[in-house]
Amino acid sequence: MKTNRLIAHGPLSKNDVNIMKGLGMLMIMFHNFFHFIPVGPGENEFSFSADNFKRFLHFTIAKPSDFIRFTSSYLGHYGVQLFIFVSSYGLYLAYRNKNISWMDFMKKRIMKLYPTLVLGIALFLLLYIFQLQILPGLTIIKSSLLKLTLLFGFVPNEALTISGPWWFFSIIVQLYAIFPFLLWILRRKGPNALLVIVFLFIGISMILDLYIKIPGTSVYFTFIGQMPVFCLGLYFAAQPQIKISKTIIVLSPVVFALGNVYQYAWYFSFIAITLILVTGVILLIPIIRKSAILNSFLEFTGSISLFLFVVNGMLREPFVSLAEKYHNAVVNLGLSFAFVAFVYFVALIIRLFEKLMQEFFSTGLHVGSLLRKMKSNTY
């Protein structure tokens, strides 16, 4: 009997998840570097502009040697959608057979994020003082404190301050907060109920973005705009396998392509690109596993993605300045690799400090106990 299924894989293993996170993180880091180099095409990440796609085509045709820069600049931010998909997928696998206390769940999730965010803010303030030779002003202090609330995505003109990529911290906590409710719906109504929520929130996002837009904000800075991809991850996690039909695989690129030129299609493009990326990674995983080095590198990148995420935005300025100085495609590419390597180095330092912080809290804030653990190398 003929089948309409082209992709059938899963459930995703921890290795698969880390590979997805690793690829998503690399997309994000290269995007965060390349889209700051002038002149760039822009991107349709938080708002729509058909002109951005026209610029992308124009720049790519006019200067094909800079194809990697323009492509990463315009498309690399979709690594975030891969992250959101993997996050909800992993949450379902972790809690599918457990009763959830909302308070305990949120405490556990926030404690995984908060120390790293605090260290990121501390690093930003140190870099600010070192580079500008002045103390942070009231605006910087206010923005830093708002970041600590983890709700800054709702505050006009605050989502992208301090370090632009940090907008993700706000939305992921919002999605964590609603996860127990979504899990309850899934258990009572089944996975198809999540598909209803996917299209419901696409509609809500469309209405809010088109008709109730608040200056300095975006529906995609909040859980509302990111809910469809989050629910898609839950939907696939609740299935015995990730099954994607030929019809979906054909339609997804069409919807995504239309979303670059028509605003109404753009609201569906986030789901479309997620399906494209998930399909692509599933097809790549067997190839990646054949290379022990590549497999280990991507799995390692996925495992430290939180630390890479928190530092990459604030480390790009010196490398971007050099790229602006030379205006050369080869130099740009070389600087991008140097930037990413530096991000790994700093991220590993932040990871070390984060582990020390977690151990300090676990000892009941006893310095002596922490020092003894460090001395015996048991921390």
Protein backbone atom coordinates (compact mmCIF):
# COMPACT_ATOMS: atom_id res chain seq x y z
CA MET A 1 0.00 0.00 0.00
CA LYS A 2 1.31 3.43 -0.92
CA THR A 3 2.05 5.82 1.90
CA ASN A 4 2.16 9.59 2.00
CA ARG A 5 4.85 9.53 4.68
CA LEU A 6 8.30 10.69 3.62
CA ILE A 7 9.84 11.27 7.05
CA ALA A 8 9.37 8.82 9.91
CA HIS A 9 11.85 9.15 12.75
CA GLY A 10 11.89 9.07 16.46
CA PRO A 11 11.40 9.53 19.17
CA LEU A 12 14.36 11.89 19.18
CA SER A 13 17.23 10.76 21.38
CA LYS A 14 19.26 13.06 23.62
CA ASN A 15 21.96 12.97 20.95
CA ASP A 16 19.43 14.00 18.29
CA VAL A 17 18.17 16.86 20.46
CA ASN A 18 21.68 18.16 21.11
CA ILE A 19 22.50 18.00 17.40
CA MET A 20 19.37 20.06 16.67
CA LYS A 21 20.28 22.54 19.39
CA GLY A 22 23.86 22.68 18.14
CA LEU A 23 22.82 23.43 14.56
CA GLY A 24 20.27 25.97 15.77
CA MET A 25 22.88 27.67 17.95
CA LEU A 26 25.37 27.92 15.08
CA MET A 27 22.65 29.48 12.90
CA ILE A 28 21.92 32.03 15.63
CA MET A 29 25.57 32.95 16.30
CA PHE A 30 26.44 33.48 12.63
CA HIS A 31 23.22 35.46 12.16
CA ASN A 32 23.97 37.66 15.17
CA PHE A 33 27.37 38.44 13.70
CA PHE A 34 26.57 38.88 10.02
CA HIS A 35 23.39 40.93 10.34
CA PHE A 36 25.31 43.68 12.16
CA ILE A 37 27.74 44.18 9.26
CA PRO A 38 26.55 46.97 6.96
CA VAL A 39 25.11 46.92 4.41
CA GLY A 40 22.76 43.99 5.03
CA PRO A 41 19.34 42.90 3.85
CA GLY A 42 17.64 42.89 7.23
CA GLU A 43 15.30 40.07 8.24
CA ASN A 44 11.63 39.35 8.85
CA GLU A 45 12.05 38.20 12.43
CA PHE A 46 9.79 40.38 14.58
CA SER A 47 8.01 42.34 11.86
CA PHE A 48 7.36 41.93 8.17
CA SER A 49 8.80 43.85 5.23
CA ALA A 50 8.75 42.55 1.66
CA ASP A 51 11.60 44.99 0.97
CA ASN A 52 13.93 42.91 3.14
CA PHE A 53 13.49 39.93 0.85
CA LYS A 54 14.03 42.13 -2.21
CA ARG A 55 17.24 43.46 -0.66
CA PHE A 56 18.36 39.92 0.12
CA LEU A 57 17.92 38.91 -3.51
CA HIS A 58 19.49 42.12 -4.81
CA PHE A 59 22.56 41.92 -2.55
CA THR A 60 23.07 38.20 -3.23
CA ILE A 61 22.90 38.66 -7.00
CA ALA A 62 25.04 41.81 -6.95
CA LYS A 63 27.71 40.30 -4.67
CA PRO A 64 27.59 36.47 -4.78
CA SER A 65 30.93 36.27 -2.94
CA ASP A 66 29.05 37.47 0.17
CA PHE A 67 26.31 34.84 -0.19
CA ILE A 68 27.06 33.29 3.22
CA ARG A 69 26.84 36.66 4.98
CA PHE A 70 23.58 37.65 3.34
CA THR A 71 21.99 34.23 3.86
CA SER A 72 23.00 34.06 7.53
CA SER A 73 21.83 37.61 8.05
CA TYR A 74 18.44 37.06 6.45
CA LEU A 75 17.68 33.46 7.49
CA GLY A 76 19.92 32.54 10.44
CA HIS A 77 17.54 33.79 13.11
CA TYR A 78 15.24 30.84 12.37
CA GLY A 79 17.59 28.79 14.53
CA VAL A 80 15.44 30.14 17.37
CA GLN A 81 12.42 28.25 16.00
CA LEU A 82 14.48 25.06 16.07
CA PHE A 83 15.32 25.82 19.71
CA ILE A 84 11.69 26.38 20.67
CA PHE A 85 10.65 23.15 18.94
CA VAL A 86 13.35 21.14 20.72
CA SER A 87 12.53 22.78 24.08
CA SER A 88 8.87 21.73 24.03
CA TYR A 89 9.76 18.31 22.62
CA GLY A 90 12.18 17.71 25.48
CA LEU A 91 9.77 19.02 28.12
CA TYR A 92 7.09 16.58 27.02
CA LEU A 93 9.46 13.61 27.20
CA ALA A 94 10.60 14.70 30.67
CA TYR A 95 7.11 15.22 32.12
CA ARG A 96 4.75 13.00 30.10
CA ASN A 97 4.33 10.51 32.95
CA LYS A 98 4.63 12.95 35.85
CA ASN A 99 2.21 15.06 37.82
CA ILE A 100 3.35 18.68 37.70
CA SER A 101 3.25 21.21 40.49
CA TRP A 102 3.31 24.53 38.63
CA MET A 103 5.35 26.29 41.32
CA ASP A 104 7.93 23.53 41.62
CA PHE A 105 8.17 23.23 37.83
CA MET A 106 8.71 26.96 37.33
CA LYS A 107 11.23 27.14 40.17
CA LYS A 108 13.26 24.35 38.59
CA ARG A 109 13.16 25.88 35.09
CA ILE A 110 14.01 29.41 36.25
CA MET A 111 16.88 28.19 38.40
CA LYS A 112 18.41 26.66 35.27
CA LEU A 113 18.26 30.00 33.46
CA TYR A 114 18.71 32.60 36.17
CA PRO A 115 22.36 32.10 37.23
CA THR A 116 23.48 32.21 33.60
CA LEU A 117 21.46 35.37 32.94
CA VAL A 118 22.87 37.02 36.07
CA LEU A 119 26.41 36.16 34.97
CA GLY A 120 25.62 37.49 31.50
CA ILE A 121 24.45 40.82 32.94
CA ALA A 122 27.55 41.01 35.13
CA LEU A 123 29.77 40.37 32.10
CA PHE A 124 27.94 43.01 30.09
CA LEU A 125 28.41 45.62 32.83
CA LEU A 126 32.13 44.77 33.13
CA LEU A 127 32.58 45.11 29.36
CA TYR A 128 30.62 48.37 29.38
CA ILE A 129 32.86 49.87 32.07
CA PHE A 130 36.03 48.55 30.43
CA GLN A 131 35.19 49.78 26.92
CA LEU A 132 33.64 53.15 27.76
CA GLN A 133 35.60 53.91 30.94
CA ILE A 134 32.41 55.14 32.65
CA LEU A 135 29.91 53.68 35.06
CA PRO A 136 26.56 52.55 33.63
CA GLY A 137 23.87 55.22 33.64
CA LEU A 138 20.30 54.98 34.86
CA THR A 139 19.03 53.65 31.50
CA ILE A 140 21.47 50.73 31.52
CA ILE A 141 20.74 49.95 35.17
CA LYS A 142 16.97 50.02 34.53
CA SER A 143 17.28 47.72 31.53
CA SER A 144 19.51 45.32 33.48
CA LEU A 145 17.00 45.13 36.33
CA LEU A 146 14.16 44.58 33.87
CA LYS A 147 16.06 41.63 32.41
CA LEU A 148 16.07 40.05 35.86
CA THR A 149 12.25 40.06 35.90
CA LEU A 150 12.26 37.76 32.82
CA LEU A 151 9.11 39.60 31.67
CA PHE A 152 10.80 42.39 29.75
CA GLY A 153 9.40 41.11 26.45
CA PHE A 154 6.14 42.83 27.35
CA VAL A 155 7.82 46.21 28.01
CA PRO A 156 7.96 48.60 25.00
CA ASN A 157 11.49 49.19 23.65
CA GLU A 158 13.12 46.77 26.13
CA ALA A 159 13.17 43.35 24.46
CA LEU A 160 16.38 43.99 22.50
CA THR A 161 18.29 46.20 24.95
CA ILE A 162 21.57 45.25 26.68
CA SER A 163 22.06 42.19 24.45
CA GLY A 164 19.63 41.68 21.58
CA PRO A 165 19.51 37.85 21.68
CA TRP A 166 18.31 37.94 25.28
CA TRP A 167 14.71 38.50 24.15
CA PHE A 168 14.61 34.70 24.06
CA PHE A 169 14.93 34.46 27.87
CA SER A 170 11.64 36.30 28.31
CA ILE A 171 9.62 34.23 25.86
CA ILE A 172 10.98 30.85 26.95
CA VAL A 173 9.99 31.54 30.57
CA GLN A 174 6.52 32.56 29.38
CA LEU A 175 6.27 29.31 27.42
CA TYR A 176 7.46 27.34 30.45
CA ALA A 177 4.69 28.96 32.49
CA ILE A 178 2.02 27.76 30.08
CA PHE A 179 3.50 24.30 29.46
CA PRO A 180 1.66 22.52 32.34
CA PHE A 181 -1.65 23.79 30.94
CA LEU A 182 -0.77 22.58 27.44
CA LEU A 183 0.24 19.20 28.84
CA TRP A 184 -3.15 18.99 30.60
CA ILE A 185 -4.93 19.72 27.31
CA LEU A 186 -2.81 17.14 25.49
CA ARG A 187 -3.63 14.46 28.06
CA ARG A 188 -7.37 15.21 27.98
CA LYS A 189 -7.93 15.93 24.30
CA GLY A 190 -5.01 14.29 22.52
CA PRO A 191 -2.25 15.66 20.25
CA ASN A 192 -4.64 17.03 17.61
CA ALA A 193 -5.88 19.60 20.12
CA LEU A 194 -2.42 21.16 19.93
CA LEU A 195 -2.82 21.67 16.18
CA VAL A 196 -5.98 23.65 16.94
CA ILE A 197 -3.94 25.81 19.33
CA VAL A 198 -1.27 26.26 16.65
CA PHE A 199 -3.72 27.84 14.21
CA LEU A 200 -5.58 29.70 16.96
CA PHE A 201 -2.41 31.49 18.03
CA ILE A 202 -1.36 32.18 14.45
CA GLY A 203 -4.70 33.96 14.10
CA ILE A 204 -4.26 35.84 17.39
CA SER A 205 -0.74 36.89 16.37
CA MET A 206 -2.04 38.13 13.05
CA ILE A 207 -4.77 40.22 14.66
CA LEU A 208 -2.45 41.72 17.28
CA ASP A 209 0.29 42.50 14.77
CA LEU A 210 -2.00 43.99 12.13
CA TYR A 211 -4.58 45.83 14.19
CA ILE A 212 -3.44 46.30 17.80
CA LYS A 213 0.26 46.98 17.33
CA ILE A 214 1.89 48.82 20.26
CA PRO A 215 4.96 50.92 19.34
CA GLY A 216 8.22 49.39 20.56
CA THR A 217 6.76 45.91 20.90
CA SER A 218 6.19 42.82 18.79
CA VAL A 219 3.85 39.92 19.35
CA TYR A 220 6.92 37.76 18.62
CA PHE A 221 8.62 39.12 21.75
CA THR A 222 5.94 37.26 23.73
CA PHE A 223 4.68 33.70 24.11
CA ILE A 224 1.73 34.52 21.84
CA GLY A 225 3.81 34.72 18.66
CA GLN A 226 6.00 31.73 19.59
CA MET A 227 3.20 29.46 20.82
CA PRO A 228 2.55 27.76 17.44
CA VAL A 229 6.10 26.36 17.16
CA PHE A 230 6.11 25.40 20.87
CA CYS A 231 2.86 23.47 20.39
CA LEU A 232 4.23 21.83 17.25
CA GLY A 233 7.11 20.41 19.30
CA LEU A 234 4.63 19.01 21.83
CA TYR A 235 2.50 17.55 19.06
CA PHE A 236 5.41 15.61 17.57
CA ALA A 237 6.73 14.58 21.00
CA ALA A 238 3.37 12.99 21.84
CA GLN A 239 3.56 10.77 18.74
CA PRO A 240 5.39 7.41 18.63
CA GLN A 241 7.39 8.85 15.72
CA ILE A 242 8.01 12.18 14.04
CA LYS A 243 6.05 11.61 10.85
CA ILE A 244 5.96 14.30 8.17
CA SER A 245 3.99 13.65 5.00
CA LYS A 246 5.11 14.36 1.45
CA THR A 247 2.31 16.90 1.19
CA ILE A 248 3.62 18.87 4.18
CA ILE A 249 7.19 18.67 2.91
CA VAL A 250 6.09 20.11 -0.44
CA LEU A 251 3.76 22.75 1.02
CA SER A 252 6.14 24.04 3.72
CA PRO A 253 8.69 25.59 1.30
CA VAL A 254 5.83 27.10 -0.71
CA VAL A 255 4.30 28.70 2.40
CA PHE A 256 7.70 29.90 3.58
CA ALA A 257 8.52 31.39 0.18
CA LEU A 258 5.19 33.21 0.08
CA GLY A 259 5.83 34.45 3.61
CA ASN A 260 8.80 36.43 2.35
CA VAL A 261 6.67 38.52 -0.01
CA TYR A 262 3.11 38.48 1.41
CA GLN A 263 2.42 39.55 4.97
CA TYR A 264 -0.56 37.26 5.56
CA ALA A 265 1.56 34.25 4.57
CA TRP A 266 4.38 35.48 6.82
CA TYR A 267 2.40 34.57 9.96
CA PHE A 268 2.40 30.93 8.81
CA SER A 269 6.05 30.98 7.74
CA PHE A 270 7.40 30.26 11.23
CA ILE A 271 5.62 26.90 11.31
CA ALA A 272 6.69 26.24 7.72
CA ILE A 273 10.39 26.92 8.35
CA THR A 274 10.30 24.81 11.53
CA LEU A 275 8.96 21.85 9.54
CA ILE A 276 11.64 22.44 6.89
CA LEU A 277 14.44 22.61 9.48
CA VAL A 278 13.24 19.59 11.46
CA THR A 279 12.94 17.57 8.25
CA GLY A 280 16.39 18.69 7.13
CA VAL A 281 18.06 17.86 10.44
CA ILE A 282 16.39 14.43 10.62
CA LEU A 283 17.74 13.65 7.15
CA LEU A 284 21.19 14.94 8.14
CA ILE A 285 21.50 13.09 11.45
CA PRO A 286 22.60 9.73 9.91
CA ILE A 287 25.23 11.59 7.87
CA ILE A 288 26.40 13.58 10.90
CA ARG A 289 26.76 10.43 12.98
CA LYS A 290 29.15 8.95 10.43
CA SER A 291 31.68 11.62 11.45
CA ALA A 292 32.67 11.20 15.09
CA ILE A 293 34.24 14.67 15.14
CA LEU A 294 31.21 16.45 13.65
CA ASN A 295 28.78 14.50 15.83
CA SER A 296 30.76 15.30 18.99
CA PHE A 297 31.13 18.97 18.03
CA LEU A 298 27.41 19.48 17.40
CA GLU A 299 26.41 17.52 20.49
CA PHE A 300 28.85 19.57 22.57
CA THR A 301 27.54 22.81 21.05
CA GLY A 302 23.99 21.79 21.91
CA SER A 303 24.97 20.90 25.48
CA ILE A 304 26.47 24.38 26.14
CA SER A 305 23.99 26.31 23.99
CA LEU A 306 22.60 28.31 26.92
CA PHE A 307 26.05 29.74 27.67
CA LEU A 308 26.80 30.42 24.01
CA PHE A 309 23.45 32.16 23.77
CA VAL A 310 23.99 34.45 26.74
CA VAL A 311 27.39 35.79 25.67
CA ASN A 312 27.40 35.93 21.86
CA GLY A 313 25.48 39.18 21.43
CA MET A 314 27.82 41.25 23.60
CA LEU A 315 31.06 39.91 22.09
CA ARG A 316 30.54 40.74 18.41
CA GLU A 317 31.35 44.49 18.35
CA PRO A 318 35.16 44.26 17.89
CA PHE A 319 34.79 41.69 15.11
CA VAL A 320 32.03 43.69 13.40
CA SER A 321 34.25 46.80 13.52
CA LEU A 322 37.02 44.92 11.74
CA ALA A 323 34.55 43.66 9.14
CA GLU A 324 33.37 47.24 8.52
CA LYS A 325 36.97 48.32 8.07
CA TYR A 326 37.91 45.78 5.39
CA HIS A 327 34.61 45.20 3.49
CA ASN A 328 35.86 41.89 2.12
CA ALA A 329 33.84 38.67 1.83
CA VAL A 330 36.77 36.40 2.74
CA VAL A 331 37.72 38.60 5.69
CA ASN A 332 34.08 38.63 6.84
CA LEU A 333 33.96 34.86 6.79
CA GLY A 334 37.25 34.54 8.64
CA LEU A 335 36.11 37.05 11.27
CA SER A 336 32.86 35.13 11.71
CA PHE A 337 34.78 31.97 12.60
CA ALA A 338 37.07 33.92 14.93
CA PHE A 339 34.03 35.46 16.60
CA VAL A 340 32.35 32.08 17.09
CA ALA A 341 35.56 30.55 18.48
CA PHE A 342 35.84 33.44 20.96
CA VAL A 343 32.20 32.94 21.95
CA TYR A 344 32.92 29.27 22.76
CA PHE A 345 35.89 30.32 24.92
CA VAL A 346 33.92 32.88 26.94
CA ALA A 347 30.89 30.57 27.17
CA LEU A 348 33.01 27.88 28.79
CA ILE A 349 34.27 30.39 31.36
CA ILE A 350 30.68 31.43 32.10
CA ARG A 351 29.72 27.76 32.41
CA LEU A 352 32.47 27.28 35.02
CA PHE A 353 31.24 30.26 37.07
CA GLU A 354 27.64 29.09 36.72
CA LYS A 355 28.56 25.69 38.09
CA LEU A 356 30.34 27.36 41.02
CA MET A 357 27.22 29.45 41.70
CA GLN A 358 24.97 26.39 41.62
CA GLU A 359 27.29 24.54 43.99
CA PHE A 360 27.45 27.58 46.29
CA PHE A 361 23.66 27.58 46.56
CA SER A 362 23.58 23.80 47.05
CA THR A 363 25.96 24.10 50.04
CA GLY A 364 23.56 26.54 51.72
CA LEU A 365 25.75 29.54 50.87
CA HIS A 366 28.66 28.12 52.86
CA VAL A 367 31.95 29.30 51.41
CA GLY A 368 33.95 26.73 53.33
CA SER A 369 31.94 23.82 51.93
CA LEU A 370 32.36 25.13 48.40
CA LEU A 371 36.10 25.55 48.85
CA ARG A 372 36.41 21.98 50.15
CA LYS A 373 34.51 20.68 47.11
CA MET A 374 36.75 22.68 44.80
CA LYS A 375 39.88 21.43 46.54
CA SER A 376 38.78 17.81 46.21
CA ASN A 377 37.56 18.45 42.64
CA THR A 378 34.07 17.16 43.52
CA TYR A 379 32.14 20.25 42.40
